[in-house]
C-alpha atoms as a PDB file:
ATOM      1  CA  MET A   1      28.286  18.846 -55.592  1.00  0.00           C
ATOM      2  CA  ALA A   2      27.158  20.573 -59.028  1.00  0.00           C
ATOM      3  CA  LEU A   3      24.750  18.485 -61.145  1.00  0.00           C
ATOM      4  CA  TYR A   4      26.397  19.444 -64.393  1.00  0.00           C
ATOM      5  CA  SER A   5      29.711  20.680 -65.322  1.00  0.00           C
ATOM      6  CA  GLU A   6      30.576  21.695 -68.810  1.00  0.00           C
ATOM      7  CA  PHE A   7      32.988  18.751 -69.314  1.00  0.00           C
ATOM      8  CA  ASP A   8      30.182  16.470 -68.581  1.00  0.00           C
ATOM      9  CA  SER A   9      29.064  14.292 -71.638  1.00  0.00           C
ATOM     10  CA  VAL A  10      25.187  14.185 -71.616  1.00  0.00           C
ATOM     11  CA  ASP A  11      25.253  10.369 -70.245  1.00  0.00           C
ATOM     12  CA  GLN A  12      27.344  11.647 -67.517  1.00  0.00           C
ATOM     13  CA  CYS A  13      24.750  14.359 -66.641  1.00  0.00           C
ATOM     14  CA  TYR A  14      21.912  11.613 -66.971  1.00  0.00           C
ATOM     15  CA  ALA A  15      23.766   9.193 -64.492  1.00  0.00           C
ATOM     16  CA  LYS A  16      24.428  12.005 -62.129  1.00  0.00           C
ATOM     17  CA  ALA A  17      21.138  13.262 -62.093  1.00  0.00           C
ATOM     18  CA  VAL A  18      19.516   9.816 -61.699  1.00  0.00           C
ATOM     19  CA  GLU A  19      21.814   9.090 -58.423  1.00  0.00           C
ATOM     20  CA  TYR A  20      21.067  12.680 -57.429  1.00  0.00           C
ATOM     21  CA  TRP A  21      16.984  12.107 -57.509  1.00  0.00           C
ATOM     22  CA  ASN A  22      17.126   8.199 -56.698  1.00  0.00           C
ATOM     23  CA  ALA A  23      15.110   7.790 -59.676  1.00  0.00           C
ATOM     24  CA  ASP A  24      13.485   4.963 -60.994  1.00  0.00           C
ATOM     25  CA  THR A  25      14.675   4.386 -64.467  1.00  0.00           C
ATOM     26  CA  SER A  26      12.479   1.303 -65.363  1.00  0.00           C
ATOM     27  CA  PRO A  27       9.495   3.185 -66.126  1.00  0.00           C
ATOM     28  CA  ILE A  28      11.248   5.925 -67.886  1.00  0.00           C
ATOM     29  CA  VAL A  29      13.018   3.237 -70.377  1.00  0.00           C
ATOM     30  CA  ALA A  30       9.807   1.564 -70.823  1.00  0.00           C
ATOM     31  CA  GLY A  31       8.137   4.440 -71.695  1.00  0.00           C
ATOM     32  CA  LEU A  32      10.737   5.697 -74.148  1.00  0.00           C
ATOM     33  CA  LEU A  33      10.551   1.886 -75.666  1.00  0.00           C
ATOM     34  CA  ASP A  34       6.494   1.973 -75.817  1.00  0.00           C
ATOM     35  CA  GLY A  35       7.064   5.802 -77.347  1.00  0.00           C
ATOM     36  CA  ILE A  36       9.318   4.461 -79.742  1.00  0.00           C
ATOM     37  CA  CYS A  37       7.293   1.416 -80.840  1.00  0.00           C
ATOM     38  CA  SER A  38       4.273   3.173 -81.184  1.00  0.00           C
ATOM     39  CA  SER A  39       4.525   4.580 -85.035  1.00  0.00           C
ATOM     40  CA  PRO A  40       5.011   4.805 -87.912  1.00  0.00           C
ATOM     41  CA  SER A  41       2.571   1.831 -88.179  1.00  0.00           C
ATOM     42  CA  VAL A  42       3.191   1.470 -91.721  1.00  0.00           C
ATOM     43  CA  SER A  43       6.523  -0.232 -91.378  1.00  0.00           C
ATOM     44  CA  SER A  44       7.680  -3.362 -89.383  1.00  0.00           C
ATOM     45  CA  ASP A  45      11.165  -1.835 -89.688  1.00  0.00           C
ATOM     46  CA  SER A  46      12.831  -1.072 -86.696  1.00  0.00           C
ATOM     47  CA  LYS A  47      14.920   1.613 -88.063  1.00  0.00           C
ATOM     48  CA  ALA A  48      12.386   3.102 -89.324  1.00  0.00           C
ATOM     49  CA  TYR A  49      10.650   3.218 -86.126  1.00  0.00           C
ATOM     50  CA  ILE A  50      14.050   4.498 -84.712  1.00  0.00           C
ATOM     51  CA  ASP A  51      14.283   7.310 -87.357  1.00  0.00           C
ATOM     52  CA  ALA A  52      11.057   8.527 -86.682  1.00  0.00           C
ATOM     53  CA  HIS A  53      11.634   8.716 -82.666  1.00  0.00           C
ATOM     54  CA  ARG A  54      15.370   9.916 -82.805  1.00  0.00           C
ATOM     55  CA  VAL A  55      14.976  12.185 -79.810  1.00  0.00           C
ATOM     56  CA  GLU A  56      13.392   9.334 -77.813  1.00  0.00           C
ATOM     57  CA  TYR A  57      15.918   6.993 -79.105  1.00  0.00           C
ATOM     58  CA  ARG A  58      18.685   9.210 -78.053  1.00  0.00           C
ATOM     59  CA  GLN A  59      17.441   9.587 -74.191  1.00  0.00           C
ATOM     60  CA  LEU A  60      17.435   5.735 -74.005  1.00  0.00           C
ATOM     61  CA  LEU A  61      20.684   5.723 -75.143  1.00  0.00           C
ATOM     62  CA  TYR A  62      21.696   8.730 -72.497  1.00  0.00           C
ATOM     63  CA  TYR A  63      20.413   6.636 -69.795  1.00  0.00           C
ATOM     64  CA  GLY A  64      23.608   4.417 -70.755  1.00  0.00           C
ATOM     65  CA  ASP A  65      23.991   1.764 -67.995  1.00  0.00           C
ATOM     66  CA  TYR A  66      20.168   2.332 -66.529  1.00  0.00           C
ATOM     67  CA  THR A  67      18.906   1.248 -70.334  1.00  0.00           C
ATOM     68  CA  LEU A  68      21.048  -1.722 -70.591  1.00  0.00           C
ATOM     69  CA  ARG A  69      19.633  -2.980 -67.042  1.00  0.00           C
ATOM     70  CA  CYS A  70      16.031  -2.736 -68.389  1.00  0.00           C
ATOM     71  CA  VAL A  71      16.824  -4.439 -71.498  1.00  0.00           C
ATOM     72  CA  PHE A  72      18.299  -6.919 -70.043  1.00  0.00           C
ATOM     73  CA  ALA A  73      15.435  -7.749 -67.565  1.00  0.00           C
ATOM     74  CA  GLU A  74      13.300  -7.506 -70.375  1.00  0.00           C
ATOM     75  CA  PHE A  75      15.174  -9.840 -72.446  1.00  0.00           C
ATOM     76  CA  LEU A  76      15.763 -12.470 -69.606  1.00  0.00           C
ATOM     77  CA  LYS A  77      11.832 -12.578 -69.577  1.00  0.00           C
ATOM     78  CA  GLY A  78      11.856 -13.924 -73.114  1.00  0.00           C
ATOM     79  CA  GLY A  79       9.786 -13.445 -75.682  1.00  0.00           C
ATOM     80  CA  GLN A  80      11.166 -10.405 -77.078  1.00  0.00           C
ATOM     81  CA  ALA A  81      11.749 -11.469 -80.735  1.00  0.00           C
ATOM     82  CA  GLY A  82       9.241  -8.544 -82.427  1.00  0.00           C
ATOM     83  CA  LEU A  83       9.539  -5.016 -82.796  1.00  0.00           C
ATOM     84  CA  LYS A  84      10.390  -3.787 -79.368  1.00  0.00           C
ATOM     85  CA  GLY A  85      13.057  -6.675 -78.991  1.00  0.00           C
ATOM     86  CA  HIS A  86      14.685  -5.334 -81.964  1.00  0.00           C
ATOM     87  CA  ILE A  87      14.795  -1.697 -80.940  1.00  0.00           C
ATOM     88  CA  MET A  88      16.417  -2.647 -77.379  1.00  0.00           C
ATOM     89  CA  LEU A  89      18.801  -5.128 -79.620  1.00  0.00           C
ATOM     90  CA  ALA A  90      19.785  -1.742 -81.629  1.00  0.00           C
ATOM     91  CA  ALA A  91      20.301   0.312 -78.216  1.00  0.00           C
ATOM     92  CA  VAL A  92      22.439  -2.678 -76.614  1.00  0.00           C
ATOM     93  CA  THR A  93      24.326  -3.084 -79.887  1.00  0.00           C
ATOM     94  CA  GLU A  94      25.293   1.332 -80.023  1.00  0.00           C
ATOM     95  CA  LEU A  95      25.600   1.113 -76.126  1.00  0.00           C
ATOM     96  CA  ILE A  96      27.947  -1.907 -75.976  1.00  0.00           C
ATOM     97  CA  GLY A  97      29.468  -2.463 -79.341  1.00  0.00           C
ATOM     98  CA  SER A  98      28.560  -5.726 -81.178  1.00  0.00           C
ATOM     99  CA  VAL A  99      29.534  -9.183 -80.642  1.00  0.00           C
ATOM    100  CA  SER A 100      31.999 -10.953 -83.095  1.00  0.00           C
ATOM    101  CA  ALA A 101      31.632 -14.594 -83.842  1.00  0.00           C
ATOM    102  CA  GLY A 102      34.694 -15.168 -81.421  1.00  0.00           C
ATOM    103  CA  GLY A 103      32.677 -13.583 -78.408  1.00  0.00           C
ATOM    104  CA  LYS A 104      34.543 -10.309 -78.738  1.00  0.00           C
ATOM    105  CA  LEU A 105      32.927  -6.944 -78.546  1.00  0.00           C
ATOM    106  CA  THR A 106      33.561  -4.887 -81.537  1.00  0.00           C
ATOM    107  CA  PRO A 107      32.712  -0.913 -80.979  1.00  0.00           C
END
């Protein structure tokens, strides 16, 4: 079985690689989040951190469902109201869309 075909999207390639190598994505996702949160320390705006780490943030999105599982586990622990929580929320919102007041997902 080939790991990559020219028709696969990048996130599908990431999923195939994770499955093929039986990779534990929790430390990968945690490392990406830590890297994003590391700078710029002059700002408290999560968008500034995401903008400063576009590659890491894009990788976070490429992990798709694996990122969602890790982020949901972090949110269930509680206390994710700071910068890391805002960055995780941004990733979740990009991955699944936002929830309207009526509880419906919007892209």
